Amino acid sequence: PVHAAVAALAIQRDHGSWATVFTVHTDQGDV
C-alpha cells in the first residue's frame, strides 16, 4: 500500500500528468 501511495503521489505531482479529474462530494450528490 505504501508503494501504491508513493506512485500515486508521483503521478499527481508530475507536471505532464493527466491526473486532473476529481470527484467532489456534495450534499446534492457527487460532481
Full PDB file with SEQRES, HELIX, SHEET, SSBOND, CRYST1, ORIGX, SCALE, CONECT and MASTER records, all heavy atoms in Angstrom:
SEQRES   1 A   31  PRO VAL HIS ALA ALA VAL ALA ALA LEU ALA ILE GLN ARG          
SEQRES   2 A   31  ASP HIS GLY SER TRP ALA THR VAL PHE THR VAL HIS THR          
SEQRES   3 A   31  ASP GLN GLY ASP VAL                                          
HELIX    1 AA1 VAL A    2  ARG A   13  1                                  12    
SHEET    1 AA1 2 HIS A  25  THR A  26  0                                        
SHEET    2 AA1 2 GLY A  29  ASP A  30 -1                                        
CRYST1    1.000    1.000    1.000  90.00  90.00  90.00 P 1           1          
ORIGX1      1.000000  0.000000  0.000000        0.00000                         
ORIGX2      0.000000  1.000000  0.000000        0.00000                         
ORIGX3      0.000000  0.000000  1.000000        0.00000                         
SCALE1      1.000000  0.000000  0.000000        0.00000                         
SCALE2      0.000000  1.000000  0.000000        0.00000                         
SCALE3      0.000000  0.000000  1.000000        0.00000                         
ATOM      1  N   PRO A   1       0.810  -1.215   0.000  1.00  0.00           N  
ATOM      2  CA  PRO A   1       0.000   0.000   0.000  1.00  0.00           C  
ATOM      3  C   PRO A   1       0.850   1.275   0.000  1.00  0.00           C  
ATOM      4  O   PRO A   1       0.491   2.258  -0.650  1.00  0.00           O  
ATOM      5  CB  PRO A   1      -0.823  -0.108   1.285  1.00  0.00           C  
ATOM      6  CG  PRO A   1      -0.928  -1.578   1.533  1.00  0.00           C  
ATOM      7  CD  PRO A   1       0.402  -2.143   1.084  1.00  0.00           C  
ATOM      8  N   VAL A   2       1.969   1.244   0.695  1.00  0.00           N  
ATOM      9  CA  VAL A   2       2.843   2.427   0.719  1.00  0.00           C  
ATOM     10  C   VAL A   2       3.414   2.692  -0.667  1.00  0.00           C  
ATOM     11  O   VAL A   2       3.444   3.831  -1.137  1.00  0.00           O  
ATOM     12  CB  VAL A   2       3.967   2.264   1.767  1.00  0.00           C  
ATOM     13  CG1 VAL A   2       4.982   3.393   1.656  1.00  0.00           C  
ATOM     14  CG2 VAL A   2       3.379   2.209   3.175  1.00  0.00           C  
ATOM     15  N   HIS A   3       3.856   1.642  -1.359  1.00  0.00           N  
ATOM     16  CA  HIS A   3       4.378   1.807  -2.717  1.00  0.00           C  
ATOM     17  C   HIS A   3       3.290   2.359  -3.646  1.00  0.00           C  
ATOM     18  O   HIS A   3       3.563   3.194  -4.517  1.00  0.00           O  
ATOM     19  CB  HIS A   3       4.920   0.493  -3.270  1.00  0.00           C  
ATOM     20  CG  HIS A   3       6.199   0.074  -2.634  1.00  0.00           C  
ATOM     21  ND1 HIS A   3       6.443  -1.240  -2.287  1.00  0.00           N  
ATOM     22  CD2 HIS A   3       7.304   0.765  -2.275  1.00  0.00           C  
ATOM     23  CE1 HIS A   3       7.644  -1.328  -1.751  1.00  0.00           C  
ATOM     24  NE2 HIS A   3       8.190  -0.117  -1.727  1.00  0.00           N  
ATOM     25  N   ALA A   4       2.057   1.912  -3.456  1.00  0.00           N  
ATOM     26  CA  ALA A   4       0.949   2.411  -4.276  1.00  0.00           C  
ATOM     27  C   ALA A   4       0.715   3.898  -4.017  1.00  0.00           C  
ATOM     28  O   ALA A   4       0.517   4.669  -4.948  1.00  0.00           O  
ATOM     29  CB  ALA A   4      -0.322   1.615  -3.984  1.00  0.00           C  
ATOM     30  N   ALA A   5       0.753   4.301  -2.756  1.00  0.00           N  
ATOM     31  CA  ALA A   5       0.556   5.707  -2.411  1.00  0.00           C  
ATOM     32  C   ALA A   5       1.688   6.572  -2.965  1.00  0.00           C  
ATOM     33  O   ALA A   5       1.443   7.666  -3.499  1.00  0.00           O  
ATOM     34  CB  ALA A   5       0.452   5.886  -0.901  1.00  0.00           C  
ATOM     35  N   VAL A   6       2.919   6.089  -2.877  1.00  0.00           N  
ATOM     36  CA  VAL A   6       4.062   6.835  -3.407  1.00  0.00           C  
ATOM     37  C   VAL A   6       3.938   6.994  -4.924  1.00  0.00           C  
ATOM     38  O   VAL A   6       4.176   8.075  -5.475  1.00  0.00           O  
ATOM     39  CB  VAL A   6       5.391   6.143  -3.023  1.00  0.00           C  
ATOM     40  CG1 VAL A   6       6.562   6.724  -3.789  1.00  0.00           C  
ATOM     41  CG2 VAL A   6       5.630   6.253  -1.519  1.00  0.00           C  
ATOM     42  N   ALA A   7       3.528   5.935  -5.609  1.00  0.00           N  
ATOM     43  CA  ALA A   7       3.363   6.001  -7.063  1.00  0.00           C  
ATOM     44  C   ALA A   7       2.243   6.971  -7.435  1.00  0.00           C  
ATOM     45  O   ALA A   7       2.377   7.759  -8.371  1.00  0.00           O  
ATOM     46  CB  ALA A   7       3.069   4.614  -7.628  1.00  0.00           C  
ATOM     47  N   ALA A   8       1.137   6.943  -6.696  1.00  0.00           N  
ATOM     48  CA  ALA A   8       0.023   7.851  -6.974  1.00  0.00           C  
ATOM     49  C   ALA A   8       0.446   9.307  -6.760  1.00  0.00           C  
ATOM     50  O   ALA A   8       0.113  10.183  -7.563  1.00  0.00           O  
ATOM     51  CB  ALA A   8      -1.174   7.519  -6.089  1.00  0.00           C  
ATOM     52  N   LEU A   9       1.194   9.563  -5.700  1.00  0.00           N  
ATOM     53  CA  LEU A   9       1.654  10.926  -5.438  1.00  0.00           C  
ATOM     54  C   LEU A   9       2.580  11.411  -6.552  1.00  0.00           C  
ATOM     55  O   LEU A   9       2.474  12.561  -7.002  1.00  0.00           O  
ATOM     56  CB  LEU A   9       2.365  10.989  -4.092  1.00  0.00           C  
ATOM     57  CG  LEU A   9       2.864  12.365  -3.662  1.00  0.00           C  
ATOM     58  CD1 LEU A   9       1.703  13.344  -3.534  1.00  0.00           C  
ATOM     59  CD2 LEU A   9       3.633  12.253  -2.360  1.00  0.00           C  
ATOM     60  N   ALA A  10       3.456  10.538  -7.019  1.00  0.00           N  
ATOM     61  CA  ALA A  10       4.363  10.920  -8.111  1.00  0.00           C  
ATOM     62  C   ALA A  10       3.577  11.266  -9.375  1.00  0.00           C  
ATOM     63  O   ALA A  10       3.888  12.240 -10.063  1.00  0.00           O  
ATOM     64  CB  ALA A  10       5.353   9.783  -8.389  1.00  0.00           C  
ATOM     65  N   ILE A  11       2.546  10.494  -9.669  1.00  0.00           N  
ATOM     66  CA  ILE A  11       1.711  10.765 -10.848  1.00  0.00           C  
ATOM     67  C   ILE A  11       0.976  12.090 -10.672  1.00  0.00           C  
ATOM     68  O   ILE A  11       0.912  12.911 -11.583  1.00  0.00           O  
ATOM     69  CB  ILE A  11       0.724   9.609 -11.096  1.00  0.00           C  
ATOM     70  CG1 ILE A  11       1.497   8.367 -11.546  1.00  0.00           C  
ATOM     71  CG2 ILE A  11      -0.350   9.992 -12.097  1.00  0.00           C  
ATOM     72  CD1 ILE A  11       0.685   7.093 -11.516  1.00  0.00           C  
ATOM     73  N   GLN A  12       0.448  12.323  -9.482  1.00  0.00           N  
ATOM     74  CA  GLN A  12      -0.309  13.546  -9.229  1.00  0.00           C  
ATOM     75  C   GLN A  12       0.574  14.792  -9.340  1.00  0.00           C  
ATOM     76  O   GLN A  12       0.135  15.834  -9.808  1.00  0.00           O  
ATOM     77  CB  GLN A  12      -0.926  13.472  -7.831  1.00  0.00           C  
ATOM     78  CG  GLN A  12      -2.214  14.191  -7.695  1.00  0.00           C  
ATOM     79  CD  GLN A  12      -2.843  13.956  -6.346  1.00  0.00           C  
ATOM     80  OE1 GLN A  12      -2.168  13.825  -5.337  1.00  0.00           O  
ATOM     81  NE2 GLN A  12      -4.160  13.897  -6.328  1.00  0.00           N  
ATOM     82  N   ARG A  13       1.828  14.677  -8.939  1.00  0.00           N  
ATOM     83  CA  ARG A  13       2.738  15.834  -8.944  1.00  0.00           C  
ATOM     84  C   ARG A  13       3.473  16.029 -10.263  1.00  0.00           C  
ATOM     85  O   ARG A  13       4.116  17.052 -10.457  1.00  0.00           O  
ATOM     86  CB  ARG A  13       3.751  15.689  -7.818  1.00  0.00           C  
ATOM     87  CG  ARG A  13       3.120  15.877  -6.460  1.00  0.00           C  
ATOM     88  CD  ARG A  13       4.145  15.863  -5.384  1.00  0.00           C  
ATOM     89  NE  ARG A  13       3.541  16.205  -4.096  1.00  0.00           N  
ATOM     90  CZ  ARG A  13       4.166  16.114  -2.944  1.00  0.00           C  
ATOM     91  NH1 ARG A  13       5.420  15.706  -2.901  1.00  0.00           N  
ATOM     92  NH2 ARG A  13       3.557  16.437  -1.837  1.00  0.00           N  
ATOM     93  N   ASP A  14       3.377  15.065 -11.164  1.00  0.00           N  
ATOM     94  CA  ASP A  14       4.041  15.165 -12.463  1.00  0.00           C  
ATOM     95  C   ASP A  14       3.364  16.251 -13.295  1.00  0.00           C  
ATOM     96  O   ASP A  14       2.159  16.191 -13.549  1.00  0.00           O  
ATOM     97  CB  ASP A  14       3.958  13.818 -13.171  1.00  0.00           C  
ATOM     98  CG  ASP A  14       4.591  13.804 -14.547  1.00  0.00           C  
ATOM     99  OD1 ASP A  14       5.039  14.869 -15.036  1.00  0.00           O  
ATOM    100  OD2 ASP A  14       4.645  12.721 -15.148  1.00  0.00           O  
ATOM    101  N   HIS A  15       4.133  17.257 -13.723  1.00  0.00           N  
ATOM    102  CA  HIS A  15       3.551  18.379 -14.470  1.00  0.00           C  
ATOM    103  C   HIS A  15       2.930  17.948 -15.795  1.00  0.00           C  
ATOM    104  O   HIS A  15       2.047  18.621 -16.308  1.00  0.00           O  
ATOM    105  CB  HIS A  15       4.603  19.461 -14.712  1.00  0.00           C  
ATOM    106  CG  HIS A  15       5.008  20.153 -13.455  1.00  0.00           C  
ATOM    107  ND1 HIS A  15       4.178  20.991 -12.755  1.00  0.00           N  
ATOM    108  CD2 HIS A  15       6.163  20.106 -12.748  1.00  0.00           C  
ATOM    109  CE1 HIS A  15       4.790  21.437 -11.684  1.00  0.00           C  
ATOM    110  NE2 HIS A  15       6.003  20.925 -11.645  1.00  0.00           N  
ATOM    111  N   GLY A  16       3.360  16.836 -16.346  1.00  0.00           N  
ATOM    112  CA  GLY A  16       2.790  16.337 -17.589  1.00  0.00           C  
ATOM    113  C   GLY A  16       1.648  15.357 -17.372  1.00  0.00           C  
ATOM    114  O   GLY A  16       1.130  14.769 -18.309  1.00  0.00           O  
ATOM    115  N   SER A  17       1.247  15.191 -16.127  1.00  0.00           N  
ATOM    116  CA  SER A  17       0.236  14.201 -15.771  1.00  0.00           C  
ATOM    117  C   SER A  17      -1.157  14.603 -16.237  1.00  0.00           C  
ATOM    118  O   SER A  17      -1.509  15.773 -16.304  1.00  0.00           O  
ATOM    119  CB  SER A  17       0.219  14.010 -14.254  1.00  0.00           C  
ATOM    120  OG  SER A  17      -0.842  13.162 -13.867  1.00  0.00           O  
ATOM    121  N   TRP A  18      -1.957  13.596 -16.524  1.00  0.00           N  
ATOM    122  CA  TRP A  18      -3.363  13.794 -16.872  1.00  0.00           C  
ATOM    123  C   TRP A  18      -4.249  13.581 -15.647  1.00  0.00           C  
ATOM    124  O   TRP A  18      -5.452  13.410 -15.770  1.00  0.00           O  
ATOM    125  CB  TRP A  18      -3.768  12.814 -17.968  1.00  0.00           C  
ATOM    126  CG  TRP A  18      -3.156  13.149 -19.287  1.00  0.00           C  
ATOM    127  CD1 TRP A  18      -1.867  12.899 -19.676  1.00  0.00           C  
ATOM    128  CD2 TRP A  18      -3.773  13.809 -20.375  1.00  0.00           C  
ATOM    129  NE1 TRP A  18      -1.664  13.355 -20.938  1.00  0.00           N  
ATOM    130  CE2 TRP A  18      -2.828  13.920 -21.407  1.00  0.00           C  
ATOM    131  CE3 TRP A  18      -5.049  14.308 -20.594  1.00  0.00           C  
ATOM    132  CZ2 TRP A  18      -3.104  14.517 -22.619  1.00  0.00           C  
ATOM    133  CZ3 TRP A  18      -5.326  14.896 -21.802  1.00  0.00           C  
ATOM    134  CH2 TRP A  18      -4.351  15.001 -22.804  1.00  0.00           C  
ATOM    135  N   ALA A  19      -3.653  13.583 -14.463  1.00  0.00           N  
ATOM    136  CA  ALA A  19      -4.397  13.359 -13.215  1.00  0.00           C  
ATOM    137  C   ALA A  19      -5.111  14.642 -12.814  1.00  0.00           C  
ATOM    138  O   ALA A  19      -4.732  15.316 -11.863  1.00  0.00           O  
ATOM    139  CB  ALA A  19      -3.448  12.900 -12.120  1.00  0.00           C  
ATOM    140  N   THR A  20      -6.129  14.994 -13.567  1.00  0.00           N  
ATOM    141  CA  THR A  20      -6.813  16.272 -13.363  1.00  0.00           C  
ATOM    142  C   THR A  20      -8.311  16.122 -13.128  1.00  0.00           C  
ATOM    143  O   THR A  20      -9.031  17.119 -13.109  1.00  0.00           O  
ATOM    144  CB  THR A  20      -6.606  17.178 -14.589  1.00  0.00           C  
ATOM    145  OG1 THR A  20      -7.117  16.513 -15.743  1.00  0.00           O  
ATOM    146  CG2 THR A  20      -5.137  17.516 -14.799  1.00  0.00           C  
ATOM    147  N   VAL A  21      -8.791  14.896 -12.957  1.00  0.00           N  
ATOM    148  CA  VAL A  21     -10.226  14.678 -12.772  1.00  0.00           C  
ATOM    149  C   VAL A  21     -10.478  14.300 -11.312  1.00  0.00           C  
ATOM    150  O   VAL A  21      -9.852  13.380 -10.780  1.00  0.00           O  
ATOM    151  CB  VAL A  21     -10.756  13.574 -13.705  1.00  0.00           C  
ATOM    152  CG1 VAL A  21     -12.246  13.354 -13.483  1.00  0.00           C  
ATOM    153  CG2 VAL A  21     -10.479  13.934 -15.159  1.00  0.00           C  
ATOM    154  N   PHE A  22     -11.373  15.033 -10.680  1.00  0.00           N  
ATOM    155  CA  PHE A  22     -11.668  14.844  -9.270  1.00  0.00           C  
ATOM    156  C   PHE A  22     -13.162  14.610  -9.081  1.00  0.00           C  
ATOM    157  O   PHE A  22     -13.974  15.079  -9.878  1.00  0.00           O  
ATOM    158  CB  PHE A  22     -11.270  16.092  -8.471  1.00  0.00           C  
ATOM    159  CG  PHE A  22      -9.808  16.405  -8.576  1.00  0.00           C  
ATOM    160  CD1 PHE A  22      -9.323  17.184  -9.614  1.00  0.00           C  
ATOM    161  CD2 PHE A  22      -8.916  15.909  -7.648  1.00  0.00           C  
ATOM    162  CE1 PHE A  22      -7.970  17.467  -9.718  1.00  0.00           C  
ATOM    163  CE2 PHE A  22      -7.560  16.185  -7.742  1.00  0.00           C  
ATOM    164  CZ  PHE A  22      -7.090  16.971  -8.779  1.00  0.00           C  
ATOM    165  N   THR A  23     -13.514  13.907  -8.023  1.00  0.00           N  
ATOM    166  CA  THR A  23     -14.906  13.765  -7.627  1.00  0.00           C  
ATOM    167  C   THR A  23     -15.115  14.624  -6.394  1.00  0.00           C  
ATOM    168  O   THR A  23     -14.402  14.474  -5.402  1.00  0.00           O  
ATOM    169  CB  THR A  23     -15.258  12.295  -7.320  1.00  0.00           C  
ATOM    170  OG1 THR A  23     -14.994  11.503  -8.476  1.00  0.00           O  
ATOM    171  CG2 THR A  23     -16.721  12.155  -6.925  1.00  0.00           C  
ATOM    172  N   VAL A  24     -16.054  15.546  -6.494  1.00  0.00           N  
ATOM    173  CA  VAL A  24     -16.388  16.414  -5.374  1.00  0.00           C  
ATOM    174  C   VAL A  24     -17.707  15.919  -4.806  1.00  0.00           C  
ATOM    175  O   VAL A  24     -18.709  15.825  -5.520  1.00  0.00           O  
ATOM    176  CB  VAL A  24     -16.499  17.887  -5.824  1.00  0.00           C  
ATOM    177  CG1 VAL A  24     -16.822  18.780  -4.630  1.00  0.00           C  
ATOM    178  CG2 VAL A  24     -15.213  18.336  -6.513  1.00  0.00           C  
ATOM    179  N   HIS A  25     -17.693  15.579  -3.518  1.00  0.00           N  
ATOM    180  CA  HIS A  25     -18.875  15.037  -2.862  1.00  0.00           C  
ATOM    181  C   HIS A  25     -19.636  16.193  -2.209  1.00  0.00           C  
ATOM    182  O   HIS A  25     -19.078  16.943  -1.414  1.00  0.00           O  
ATOM    183  CB  HIS A  25     -18.460  13.998  -1.822  1.00  0.00           C  
ATOM    184  CG  HIS A  25     -17.555  12.943  -2.393  1.00  0.00           C  
ATOM    185  ND1 HIS A  25     -18.034  11.873  -3.121  1.00  0.00           N  
ATOM    186  CD2 HIS A  25     -16.206  12.826  -2.399  1.00  0.00           C  
ATOM    187  CE1 HIS A  25     -16.994  11.131  -3.524  1.00  0.00           C  
ATOM    188  NE2 HIS A  25     -15.885  11.693  -3.097  1.00  0.00           N  
ATOM    189  N   THR A  26     -20.894  16.351  -2.608  1.00  0.00           N  
ATOM    190  CA  THR A  26     -21.733  17.434  -2.091  1.00  0.00           C  
ATOM    191  C   THR A  26     -22.973  16.853  -1.434  1.00  0.00           C  
ATOM    192  O   THR A  26     -23.260  15.661  -1.568  1.00  0.00           O  
ATOM    193  CB  THR A  26     -22.163  18.391  -3.217  1.00  0.00           C  
ATOM    194  OG1 THR A  26     -23.172  17.750  -4.001  1.00  0.00           O  
ATOM    195  CG2 THR A  26     -20.990  18.805  -4.096  1.00  0.00           C  
ATOM    196  N   ASP A  27     -23.718  17.701  -0.748  1.00  0.00           N  
ATOM    197  CA  ASP A  27     -24.984  17.268  -0.143  1.00  0.00           C  
ATOM    198  C   ASP A  27     -25.993  16.836  -1.199  1.00  0.00           C  
ATOM    199  O   ASP A  27     -26.884  16.052  -0.928  1.00  0.00           O  
ATOM    200  CB  ASP A  27     -25.595  18.399   0.699  1.00  0.00           C  
ATOM    201  CG  ASP A  27     -24.779  18.693   1.947  1.00  0.00           C  
ATOM    202  OD1 ASP A  27     -23.978  17.831   2.359  1.00  0.00           O  
ATOM    203  OD2 ASP A  27     -24.938  19.805   2.498  1.00  0.00           O  
ATOM    204  N   GLN A  28     -25.865  17.366  -2.423  1.00  0.00           N  
ATOM    205  CA  GLN A  28     -26.793  17.039  -3.508  1.00  0.00           C  
ATOM    206  C   GLN A  28     -26.301  15.869  -4.361  1.00  0.00           C  
ATOM    207  O   GLN A  28     -26.957  15.476  -5.316  1.00  0.00           O  
ATOM    208  CB  GLN A  28     -27.012  18.255  -4.409  1.00  0.00           C  
ATOM    209  CG  GLN A  28     -27.794  19.380  -3.773  1.00  0.00           C  
ATOM    210  CD  GLN A  28     -26.943  20.196  -2.807  1.00  0.00           C  
ATOM    211  OE1 GLN A  28     -25.776  20.429  -3.058  1.00  0.00           O  
ATOM    212  NE2 GLN A  28     -27.534  20.610  -1.701  1.00  0.00           N  
ATOM    213  N   GLY A  29     -25.137  15.322  -4.055  1.00  0.00           N  
ATOM    214  CA  GLY A  29     -24.585  14.211  -4.822  1.00  0.00           C  
ATOM    215  C   GLY A  29     -23.163  14.512  -5.258  1.00  0.00           C  
ATOM    216  O   GLY A  29     -22.600  15.551  -4.942  1.00  0.00           O  
ATOM    217  N   ASP A  30     -22.588  13.584  -5.991  1.00  0.00           N  
ATOM    218  CA  ASP A  30     -21.208  13.725  -6.445  1.00  0.00           C  
ATOM    219  C   ASP A  30     -21.141  14.496  -7.756  1.00  0.00           C  
ATOM    220  O   ASP A  30     -22.005  14.363  -8.617  1.00  0.00           O  
ATOM    221  CB  ASP A  30     -20.568  12.351  -6.644  1.00  0.00           C  
ATOM    222  CG  ASP A  30     -20.400  11.598  -5.336  1.00  0.00           C  
ATOM    223  OD1 ASP A  30     -20.560  12.209  -4.264  1.00  0.00           O  
ATOM    224  OD2 ASP A  30     -20.098  10.391  -5.378  1.00  0.00           O  
ATOM    225  N   VAL A  31     -20.088  15.303  -7.889  1.00  0.00           N  
ATOM    226  CA  VAL A  31     -19.847  16.078  -9.091  1.00  0.00           C  
ATOM    227  C   VAL A  31     -18.450  15.739  -9.595  1.00  0.00           C  
ATOM    228  O   VAL A  31     -17.494  15.752  -8.815  1.00  0.00           O  
ATOM    229  CB  VAL A  31     -19.932  17.595  -8.799  1.00  0.00           C  
ATOM    230  CG1 VAL A  31     -19.610  18.402 -10.041  1.00  0.00           C  
ATOM    231  CG2 VAL A  31     -21.295  17.956  -8.240  1.00  0.00           C  
TER     232      VAL A  31                                                      
MASTER        0    0    0    1    2    0    0    6  231    1    0    3          
END                                                                             
